[in-house]
N, C-alpha and C. Protein backbone atom coordinates (compact mmCIF):
# COMPACT_ATOMS: atom_id res chain seq x y z
N SER A 1 0.85 -1.18 0.00
CA SER A 1 0.00 0.00 0.00
C SER A 1 0.89 1.24 0.00
N PRO A 2 0.55 2.30 -0.72
CA PRO A 2 1.39 3.48 -0.81
C PRO A 2 1.26 4.45 0.37
N LEU A 3 0.40 4.17 1.33
CA LEU A 3 0.22 5.08 2.46
C LEU A 3 1.37 4.97 3.45
N ALA A 4 1.71 6.09 4.07
CA ALA A 4 2.81 6.12 5.03
C ALA A 4 2.50 5.30 6.27
N VAL A 5 1.26 5.17 6.65
CA VAL A 5 0.91 4.40 7.85
C VAL A 5 1.18 2.91 7.65
N ASP A 6 1.23 2.47 6.41
CA ASP A 6 1.49 1.05 6.12
C ASP A 6 2.97 0.77 5.91
N ALA A 7 3.82 1.76 6.01
CA ALA A 7 5.24 1.57 5.71
C ALA A 7 5.90 0.56 6.65
N GLN A 8 5.63 0.65 7.95
CA GLN A 8 6.25 -0.27 8.91
C GLN A 8 5.79 -1.71 8.64
N HIS A 9 4.52 -1.86 8.36
CA HIS A 9 3.98 -3.19 8.05
C HIS A 9 4.67 -3.76 6.81
N SER A 10 4.81 -2.97 5.79
CA SER A 10 5.45 -3.42 4.55
C SER A 10 6.91 -3.76 4.78
N LEU A 11 7.60 -2.95 5.60
CA LEU A 11 9.00 -3.20 5.90
C LEU A 11 9.18 -4.53 6.62
N ARG A 12 8.31 -4.82 7.59
CA ARG A 12 8.39 -6.12 8.30
C ARG A 12 8.13 -7.28 7.34
N THR A 13 7.16 -7.09 6.47
CA THR A 13 6.85 -8.15 5.50
C THR A 13 8.06 -8.41 4.61
N LEU A 14 8.68 -7.37 4.13
CA LEU A 14 9.84 -7.53 3.27
C LEU A 14 11.00 -8.18 4.01
N ARG A 15 11.23 -7.80 5.25
CA ARG A 15 12.31 -8.41 6.04
C ARG A 15 12.04 -9.89 6.30
N PHE A 16 10.79 -10.23 6.51
CA PHE A 16 10.45 -11.62 6.79
C PHE A 16 10.64 -12.50 5.55
N TYR A 17 10.23 -12.01 4.39
CA TYR A 17 10.28 -12.83 3.18
C TYR A 17 11.59 -12.72 2.41
N HIS A 18 12.46 -11.83 2.80
CA HIS A 18 13.73 -11.68 2.09
C HIS A 18 14.54 -12.98 2.04
N PRO A 19 14.69 -13.72 3.14
CA PRO A 19 15.46 -14.97 3.05
C PRO A 19 14.84 -15.98 2.09
N ALA A 20 13.53 -15.97 1.96
CA ALA A 20 12.88 -16.92 1.06
C ALA A 20 13.24 -16.64 -0.38
N GLN A 21 13.54 -15.42 -0.71
CA GLN A 21 13.89 -15.08 -2.08
C GLN A 21 15.20 -15.74 -2.51
N ARG A 22 16.10 -15.95 -1.57
CA ARG A 22 17.36 -16.62 -1.92
C ARG A 22 17.11 -18.03 -2.45
N PHE A 23 16.10 -18.67 -1.91
CA PHE A 23 15.84 -20.06 -2.28
C PHE A 23 15.08 -20.18 -3.59
N THR A 24 14.24 -19.21 -3.89
CA THR A 24 13.44 -19.30 -5.11
C THR A 24 14.13 -18.67 -6.30
N ALA A 25 15.03 -17.73 -6.07
CA ALA A 25 15.71 -17.04 -7.17
C ALA A 25 17.17 -17.46 -7.27
N ARG A 26 17.43 -18.72 -7.07
CA ARG A 26 18.80 -19.23 -7.12
C ARG A 26 19.27 -19.25 -8.58
N ALA A 27 20.50 -18.80 -8.78
CA ALA A 27 21.06 -18.77 -10.14
C ALA A 27 21.29 -20.20 -10.62
N ALA A 28 21.13 -20.38 -11.92
CA ALA A 28 21.34 -21.71 -12.50
C ALA A 28 22.81 -22.07 -12.42
N LYS A 29 23.07 -23.28 -11.94
CA LYS A 29 24.44 -23.73 -11.82
C LYS A 29 24.85 -24.41 -13.12
N THR A 30 26.11 -24.24 -13.49
CA THR A 30 26.62 -24.93 -14.66
C THR A 30 27.08 -26.31 -14.22
N THR A 31 26.78 -27.30 -15.03
CA THR A 31 27.16 -28.67 -14.69
C THR A 31 28.57 -28.94 -15.20
N GLN A 32 29.32 -29.62 -14.41
CA GLN A 32 30.67 -30.00 -14.79
C GLN A 32 30.60 -31.25 -15.66
N PRO A 33 31.39 -31.30 -16.73
CA PRO A 33 31.37 -32.51 -17.54
C PRO A 33 31.91 -33.69 -16.73
N GLY A 34 31.28 -34.83 -16.93
CA GLY A 34 31.70 -36.01 -16.21
C GLY A 34 32.94 -36.62 -16.82
N PRO A 35 33.41 -37.70 -16.26
CA PRO A 35 34.59 -38.35 -16.82
C PRO A 35 34.27 -38.92 -18.20
N VAL A 36 35.28 -38.96 -19.04
CA VAL A 36 35.11 -39.46 -20.40
C VAL A 36 34.93 -40.97 -20.36
N ASP A 37 33.89 -41.46 -21.00
CA ASP A 37 33.61 -42.90 -21.05
C ASP A 37 34.42 -43.52 -22.19
N ARG A 38 35.44 -44.24 -21.86
CA ARG A 38 36.30 -44.86 -22.89
C ARG A 38 35.63 -46.05 -23.56
N ARG A 39 34.47 -46.48 -23.06
CA ARG A 39 33.75 -47.57 -23.72
C ARG A 39 32.92 -47.05 -24.89
N ASN A 40 32.76 -45.74 -24.98
CA ASN A 40 32.01 -45.12 -26.07
C ASN A 40 32.93 -44.93 -27.27
N PRO A 41 32.60 -45.49 -28.42
CA PRO A 41 33.48 -45.36 -29.60
C PRO A 41 33.73 -43.91 -30.01
N ALA A 42 32.83 -43.02 -29.69
CA ALA A 42 33.03 -41.61 -30.03
C ALA A 42 34.22 -41.02 -29.27
N ASN A 43 34.64 -41.64 -28.20
CA ASN A 43 35.76 -41.14 -27.39
C ASN A 43 37.06 -41.91 -27.64
N TRP A 44 37.05 -42.82 -28.60
CA TRP A 44 38.23 -43.62 -28.85
C TRP A 44 39.29 -42.84 -29.61
N PRO A 45 40.55 -42.95 -29.19
CA PRO A 45 41.64 -42.38 -29.99
C PRO A 45 41.92 -43.32 -31.18
N PRO A 46 42.69 -42.88 -32.15
CA PRO A 46 42.94 -43.70 -33.35
C PRO A 46 43.49 -45.10 -33.07
N GLU A 47 44.34 -45.22 -32.04
CA GLU A 47 44.94 -46.54 -31.76
C GLU A 47 43.89 -47.54 -31.30
N VAL A 48 43.00 -47.12 -30.43
CA VAL A 48 41.95 -48.01 -29.91
C VAL A 48 40.99 -48.38 -31.04
N LEU A 49 40.64 -47.40 -31.86
CA LEU A 49 39.73 -47.66 -32.99
C LEU A 49 40.36 -48.65 -33.96
N ALA A 50 41.63 -48.49 -34.28
CA ALA A 50 42.31 -49.41 -35.20
C ALA A 50 42.34 -50.82 -34.64
N ARG A 51 42.59 -50.94 -33.33
CA ARG A 51 42.60 -52.26 -32.70
C ARG A 51 41.21 -52.90 -32.75
N TRP A 52 40.15 -52.11 -32.50
CA TRP A 52 38.78 -52.64 -32.53
C TRP A 52 38.42 -53.11 -33.94
N VAL A 53 38.76 -52.32 -34.96
CA VAL A 53 38.46 -52.70 -36.35
C VAL A 53 39.19 -53.99 -36.71
N ALA A 54 40.46 -54.09 -36.37
CA ALA A 54 41.22 -55.30 -36.69
C ALA A 54 40.64 -56.51 -35.97
N GLU A 55 40.22 -56.32 -34.73
CA GLU A 55 39.66 -57.44 -33.95
C GLU A 55 38.31 -57.89 -34.51
N LYS A 56 37.44 -56.94 -34.83
CA LYS A 56 36.09 -57.30 -35.29
C LYS A 56 36.05 -57.84 -36.71
N THR A 57 37.06 -57.52 -37.51
CA THR A 57 37.08 -58.02 -38.89
C THR A 57 38.08 -59.14 -39.09
N SER A 58 38.64 -59.63 -38.00
CA SER A 58 39.64 -60.71 -38.05
C SER A 58 40.82 -60.35 -38.95
N GLY A 59 41.17 -59.09 -38.98
CA GLY A 59 42.33 -58.64 -39.75
C GLY A 59 42.06 -58.43 -41.23
N ILE A 60 40.84 -58.63 -41.69
CA ILE A 60 40.53 -58.46 -43.12
C ILE A 60 40.62 -56.99 -43.52
N VAL A 61 40.05 -56.12 -42.68
CA VAL A 61 40.05 -54.69 -42.99
C VAL A 61 41.30 -54.06 -42.39
N ASP A 62 42.04 -53.36 -43.25
CA ASP A 62 43.22 -52.64 -42.80
C ASP A 62 42.77 -51.31 -42.20
N PRO A 63 43.03 -51.10 -40.90
CA PRO A 63 42.63 -49.84 -40.28
C PRO A 63 43.23 -48.61 -40.96
N ALA A 64 44.37 -48.76 -41.61
CA ALA A 64 45.00 -47.65 -42.31
C ALA A 64 44.16 -47.22 -43.52
N VAL A 65 43.36 -48.14 -44.06
CA VAL A 65 42.49 -47.82 -45.19
C VAL A 65 41.13 -47.33 -44.70
N LEU A 66 40.57 -48.02 -43.71
CA LEU A 66 39.24 -47.65 -43.21
C LEU A 66 39.28 -46.35 -42.42
N CYS A 67 40.20 -46.24 -41.51
CA CYS A 67 40.22 -45.07 -40.62
C CYS A 67 41.65 -44.57 -40.40
N PRO A 68 42.28 -44.04 -41.44
CA PRO A 68 43.66 -43.57 -41.29
C PRO A 68 43.74 -42.37 -40.36
N ASP A 69 44.37 -42.56 -39.21
CA ASP A 69 44.53 -41.49 -38.22
C ASP A 69 43.21 -40.82 -37.84
N MET A 70 42.15 -41.59 -37.82
CA MET A 70 40.83 -41.05 -37.44
C MET A 70 40.50 -41.48 -36.03
N SER A 71 39.86 -40.58 -35.31
CA SER A 71 39.36 -40.94 -33.98
C SER A 71 38.00 -41.61 -34.17
N GLY A 72 37.47 -42.12 -33.09
CA GLY A 72 36.16 -42.74 -33.16
C GLY A 72 35.08 -41.76 -33.58
N ARG A 73 35.16 -40.55 -33.07
CA ARG A 73 34.18 -39.52 -33.42
C ARG A 73 34.21 -39.22 -34.92
N GLN A 74 35.41 -39.14 -35.48
CA GLN A 74 35.54 -38.86 -36.91
C GLN A 74 34.98 -39.99 -37.76
N LEU A 75 35.24 -41.23 -37.35
CA LEU A 75 34.73 -42.37 -38.11
C LEU A 75 33.21 -42.46 -38.02
N LEU A 76 32.66 -42.15 -36.86
CA LEU A 76 31.21 -42.18 -36.71
C LEU A 76 30.52 -41.09 -37.53
N ARG A 77 31.22 -40.03 -37.83
CA ARG A 77 30.65 -38.96 -38.66
C ARG A 77 30.74 -39.29 -40.15
N LEU A 78 31.50 -40.30 -40.47
CA LEU A 78 31.63 -40.72 -41.87
C LEU A 78 30.30 -41.30 -42.34
N PRO A 79 29.80 -40.89 -43.51
CA PRO A 79 28.53 -41.46 -44.00
C PRO A 79 28.64 -42.98 -44.16
N GLU A 80 27.52 -43.64 -43.98
CA GLU A 80 27.50 -45.10 -44.03
C GLU A 80 28.03 -45.63 -45.36
N HIS A 81 27.65 -45.02 -46.46
CA HIS A 81 28.09 -45.54 -47.76
C HIS A 81 29.61 -45.40 -47.93
N ASP A 82 30.22 -44.36 -47.37
CA ASP A 82 31.68 -44.24 -47.43
C ASP A 82 32.35 -45.30 -46.56
N PHE A 83 31.78 -45.55 -45.38
CA PHE A 83 32.30 -46.58 -44.48
C PHE A 83 32.27 -47.93 -45.19
N ILE A 84 31.13 -48.26 -45.78
CA ILE A 84 30.98 -49.55 -46.47
C ILE A 84 31.92 -49.63 -47.67
N ARG A 85 32.04 -48.54 -48.43
CA ARG A 85 32.93 -48.53 -49.59
C ARG A 85 34.37 -48.81 -49.18
N ARG A 86 34.81 -48.22 -48.08
CA ARG A 86 36.17 -48.45 -47.61
C ARG A 86 36.38 -49.89 -47.16
N CYS A 87 35.37 -50.45 -46.48
CA CYS A 87 35.48 -51.85 -46.04
C CYS A 87 35.51 -52.81 -47.22
N VAL A 88 34.67 -52.55 -48.21
CA VAL A 88 34.62 -53.41 -49.40
C VAL A 88 35.95 -53.33 -50.16
N ALA A 89 36.55 -52.15 -50.17
CA ALA A 89 37.85 -51.99 -50.84
C ALA A 89 38.94 -52.82 -50.17
N CYS A 90 38.75 -53.13 -48.90
CA CYS A 90 39.72 -53.96 -48.16
C CYS A 90 39.43 -55.45 -48.30
N GLY A 91 38.31 -55.81 -48.91
CA GLY A 91 37.99 -57.22 -49.12
C GLY A 91 36.88 -57.75 -48.23
N LEU A 92 36.28 -56.92 -47.42
CA LEU A 92 35.15 -57.33 -46.59
C LEU A 92 33.88 -57.21 -47.43
N GLY A 93 33.00 -58.18 -47.34
CA GLY A 93 31.77 -58.14 -48.12
C GLY A 93 30.86 -56.99 -47.70
N GLU A 94 29.94 -56.65 -48.58
CA GLU A 94 29.05 -55.52 -48.29
C GLU A 94 28.17 -55.79 -47.08
N LYS A 95 27.68 -57.03 -46.97
CA LYS A 95 26.82 -57.37 -45.83
C LYS A 95 27.58 -57.26 -44.52
N ARG A 96 28.78 -57.82 -44.47
CA ARG A 96 29.59 -57.74 -43.24
C ARG A 96 30.02 -56.31 -42.95
N SER A 97 30.24 -55.53 -44.01
CA SER A 97 30.60 -54.12 -43.83
C SER A 97 29.46 -53.36 -43.17
N ARG A 98 28.25 -53.63 -43.64
CA ARG A 98 27.07 -52.98 -43.06
C ARG A 98 26.88 -53.43 -41.61
N GLU A 99 27.11 -54.71 -41.32
CA GLU A 99 27.01 -55.22 -39.95
C GLU A 99 28.04 -54.55 -39.04
N LEU A 100 29.26 -54.37 -39.55
CA LEU A 100 30.31 -53.71 -38.78
C LEU A 100 29.92 -52.27 -38.46
N TYR A 101 29.39 -51.58 -39.46
CA TYR A 101 28.95 -50.19 -39.27
C TYR A 101 27.83 -50.14 -38.22
N THR A 102 26.87 -51.04 -38.34
CA THR A 102 25.75 -51.08 -37.39
C THR A 102 26.24 -51.39 -35.98
N LYS A 103 27.20 -52.32 -35.86
CA LYS A 103 27.73 -52.68 -34.56
C LYS A 103 28.44 -51.48 -33.91
N LEU A 104 29.24 -50.77 -34.69
CA LEU A 104 29.96 -49.60 -34.17
C LEU A 104 28.97 -48.50 -33.76
N PHE A 105 28.02 -48.23 -34.63
CA PHE A 105 27.05 -47.17 -34.34
C PHE A 105 26.16 -47.55 -33.15
N SER A 106 25.74 -48.80 -33.06
CA SER A 106 24.91 -49.26 -31.93
C SER A 106 25.67 -49.15 -30.62
N LEU A 107 26.95 -49.49 -30.65
CA LEU A 107 27.77 -49.37 -29.45
C LEU A 107 27.83 -47.92 -28.97
N MET A 108 27.97 -47.00 -29.91
CA MET A 108 28.01 -45.58 -29.56
C MET A 108 26.68 -45.12 -28.98
N VAL A 109 25.57 -45.51 -29.59
CA VAL A 109 24.25 -45.10 -29.11
C VAL A 109 23.97 -45.67 -27.72
N ASP A 110 24.31 -46.93 -27.51
CA ASP A 110 24.09 -47.55 -26.20
C ASP A 110 24.88 -46.85 -25.10
N ARG A 111 26.14 -46.53 -25.37
CA ARG A 111 26.97 -45.85 -24.38
C ARG A 111 26.48 -44.43 -24.13
N ARG A 112 26.05 -43.75 -25.19
CA ARG A 112 25.54 -42.38 -25.03
C ARG A 112 24.28 -42.38 -24.19
N ASP A 113 23.38 -43.33 -24.45
CA ASP A 113 22.15 -43.41 -23.67
C ASP A 113 22.43 -43.72 -22.20
N ALA A 114 23.37 -44.63 -21.96
CA ALA A 114 23.73 -44.96 -20.58
C ALA A 114 24.34 -43.74 -19.88
N ASP A 115 25.15 -42.99 -20.61
CA ASP A 115 25.77 -41.79 -20.04
C ASP A 115 24.72 -40.73 -19.72
N ARG A 116 23.77 -40.54 -20.60
CA ARG A 116 22.69 -39.57 -20.35
C ARG A 116 21.84 -39.98 -19.15
N LYS A 117 21.58 -41.26 -19.02
CA LYS A 117 20.80 -41.75 -17.89
C LYS A 117 21.55 -41.51 -16.58
N ARG A 118 22.86 -41.79 -16.59
CA ARG A 118 23.68 -41.56 -15.41
C ARG A 118 23.73 -40.07 -15.05
N GLN A 119 23.88 -39.22 -16.05
CA GLN A 119 23.91 -37.78 -15.80
C GLN A 119 22.59 -37.30 -15.22
N ARG A 120 21.49 -37.80 -15.74
CA ARG A 120 20.17 -37.40 -15.25
C ARG A 120 19.98 -37.83 -13.80
N GLN A 121 20.42 -39.04 -13.46
CA GLN A 121 20.32 -39.51 -12.09
C GLN A 121 21.18 -38.66 -11.16
N ASP A 122 22.38 -38.28 -11.63
CA ASP A 122 23.24 -37.41 -10.83
C ASP A 122 22.60 -36.04 -10.61
N GLN A 123 21.97 -35.50 -11.65
CA GLN A 123 21.30 -34.21 -11.53
C GLN A 123 20.13 -34.28 -10.54
N LEU A 124 19.36 -35.35 -10.61
CA LEU A 124 18.24 -35.50 -9.69
C LEU A 124 18.72 -35.64 -8.24
N ALA A 125 19.78 -36.39 -8.04
CA ALA A 125 20.32 -36.55 -6.69
C ALA A 125 20.83 -35.21 -6.17
N GLU A 126 21.50 -34.45 -7.01
CA GLU A 126 22.00 -33.13 -6.60
C GLU A 126 20.85 -32.19 -6.30
N ALA A 127 19.79 -32.23 -7.12
CA ALA A 127 18.63 -31.36 -6.88
C ALA A 127 17.95 -31.71 -5.56
N ARG A 128 17.83 -33.00 -5.27
CA ARG A 128 17.23 -33.41 -3.99
C ARG A 128 18.08 -32.94 -2.81
N ALA A 129 19.38 -33.11 -2.92
CA ALA A 129 20.28 -32.69 -1.85
C ALA A 129 20.22 -31.17 -1.66
N GLN A 130 20.19 -30.43 -2.76
CA GLN A 130 20.11 -28.97 -2.67
C GLN A 130 18.79 -28.53 -2.04
N ARG A 131 17.72 -29.20 -2.40
CA ARG A 131 16.42 -28.86 -1.82
C ARG A 131 16.41 -29.11 -0.31
N ALA A 132 17.00 -30.22 0.10
CA ALA A 132 17.07 -30.52 1.54
C ALA A 132 17.90 -29.47 2.27
N ARG A 133 19.02 -29.05 1.66
CA ARG A 133 19.84 -28.00 2.28
C ARG A 133 19.07 -26.69 2.36
N ASP A 134 18.36 -26.35 1.28
CA ASP A 134 17.57 -25.12 1.26
C ASP A 134 16.47 -25.13 2.32
N GLU A 135 15.79 -26.26 2.44
CA GLU A 135 14.71 -26.35 3.42
C GLU A 135 15.26 -26.24 4.84
N ALA A 136 16.38 -26.87 5.11
CA ALA A 136 16.99 -26.79 6.44
C ALA A 136 17.44 -25.36 6.75
N GLU A 137 18.03 -24.71 5.77
CA GLU A 137 18.48 -23.33 5.96
C GLU A 137 17.29 -22.40 6.16
N PHE A 138 16.25 -22.60 5.38
CA PHE A 138 15.05 -21.77 5.52
C PHE A 138 14.40 -21.98 6.89
N ALA A 139 14.32 -23.23 7.33
CA ALA A 139 13.72 -23.52 8.64
C ALA A 139 14.54 -22.88 9.76
N ALA A 140 15.85 -22.94 9.66
CA ALA A 140 16.70 -22.33 10.68
C ALA A 140 16.53 -20.81 10.69
N GLU A 141 16.47 -20.21 9.52
CA GLU A 141 16.26 -18.76 9.44
C GLU A 141 14.89 -18.37 9.97
N LEU A 142 13.88 -19.15 9.66
CA LEU A 142 12.53 -18.88 10.15
C LEU A 142 12.48 -18.97 11.67
N GLU A 143 13.11 -20.00 12.23
CA GLU A 143 13.12 -20.15 13.68
C GLU A 143 13.88 -19.01 14.35
N ARG A 144 14.98 -18.59 13.74
CA ARG A 144 15.75 -17.48 14.29
C ARG A 144 14.90 -16.20 14.32
N ARG A 145 14.14 -15.98 13.26
CA ARG A 145 13.30 -14.78 13.18
C ARG A 145 12.13 -14.85 14.16
N VAL A 146 11.57 -16.03 14.33
CA VAL A 146 10.47 -16.18 15.27
C VAL A 146 10.97 -15.92 16.69
N ARG A 147 12.12 -16.44 17.03
CA ARG A 147 12.69 -16.22 18.36
C ARG A 147 13.05 -14.75 18.58
N ALA A 148 13.48 -14.09 17.52
CA ALA A 148 13.86 -12.69 17.63
C ALA A 148 12.61 -11.80 17.69
N GLY A 149 11.49 -12.33 17.30
CA GLY A 149 10.24 -11.58 17.37
C GLY A 149 10.05 -10.62 16.21
N VAL A 150 10.67 -10.89 15.11
CA VAL A 150 10.54 -10.01 13.94
C VAL A 150 9.25 -10.28 13.21
């Protein structure tokens, strides 16, 4: 109310609710990136990728032809038809080439989904913990104000 007689009442109201504003107007926190999942092909360095290709194709596909100095992320960005063309050039059949591509891509999708699920669970746990801390702090502040008679 704009009347001067209500000024003291308004001031007490503002003092009482001021601590509550800290809890509702909290700035958004930036999330820290988690550890790199080395089981995800998108995070593989060239050496690991070359070893995986040689292992899965029983040495038929030369990693130097399929993925010369490419990381897992770079190979996954390669269009499917280029991937298959490179495998066929090494002597792997088209069907097995497509299966290899599907296996690599599926492995990446599975790891990415697992990582997203883990991150979401971590975020929920942090949000619950933060809410509990906020509620405890608010209750302590409320009790302090009640005892002070404000």
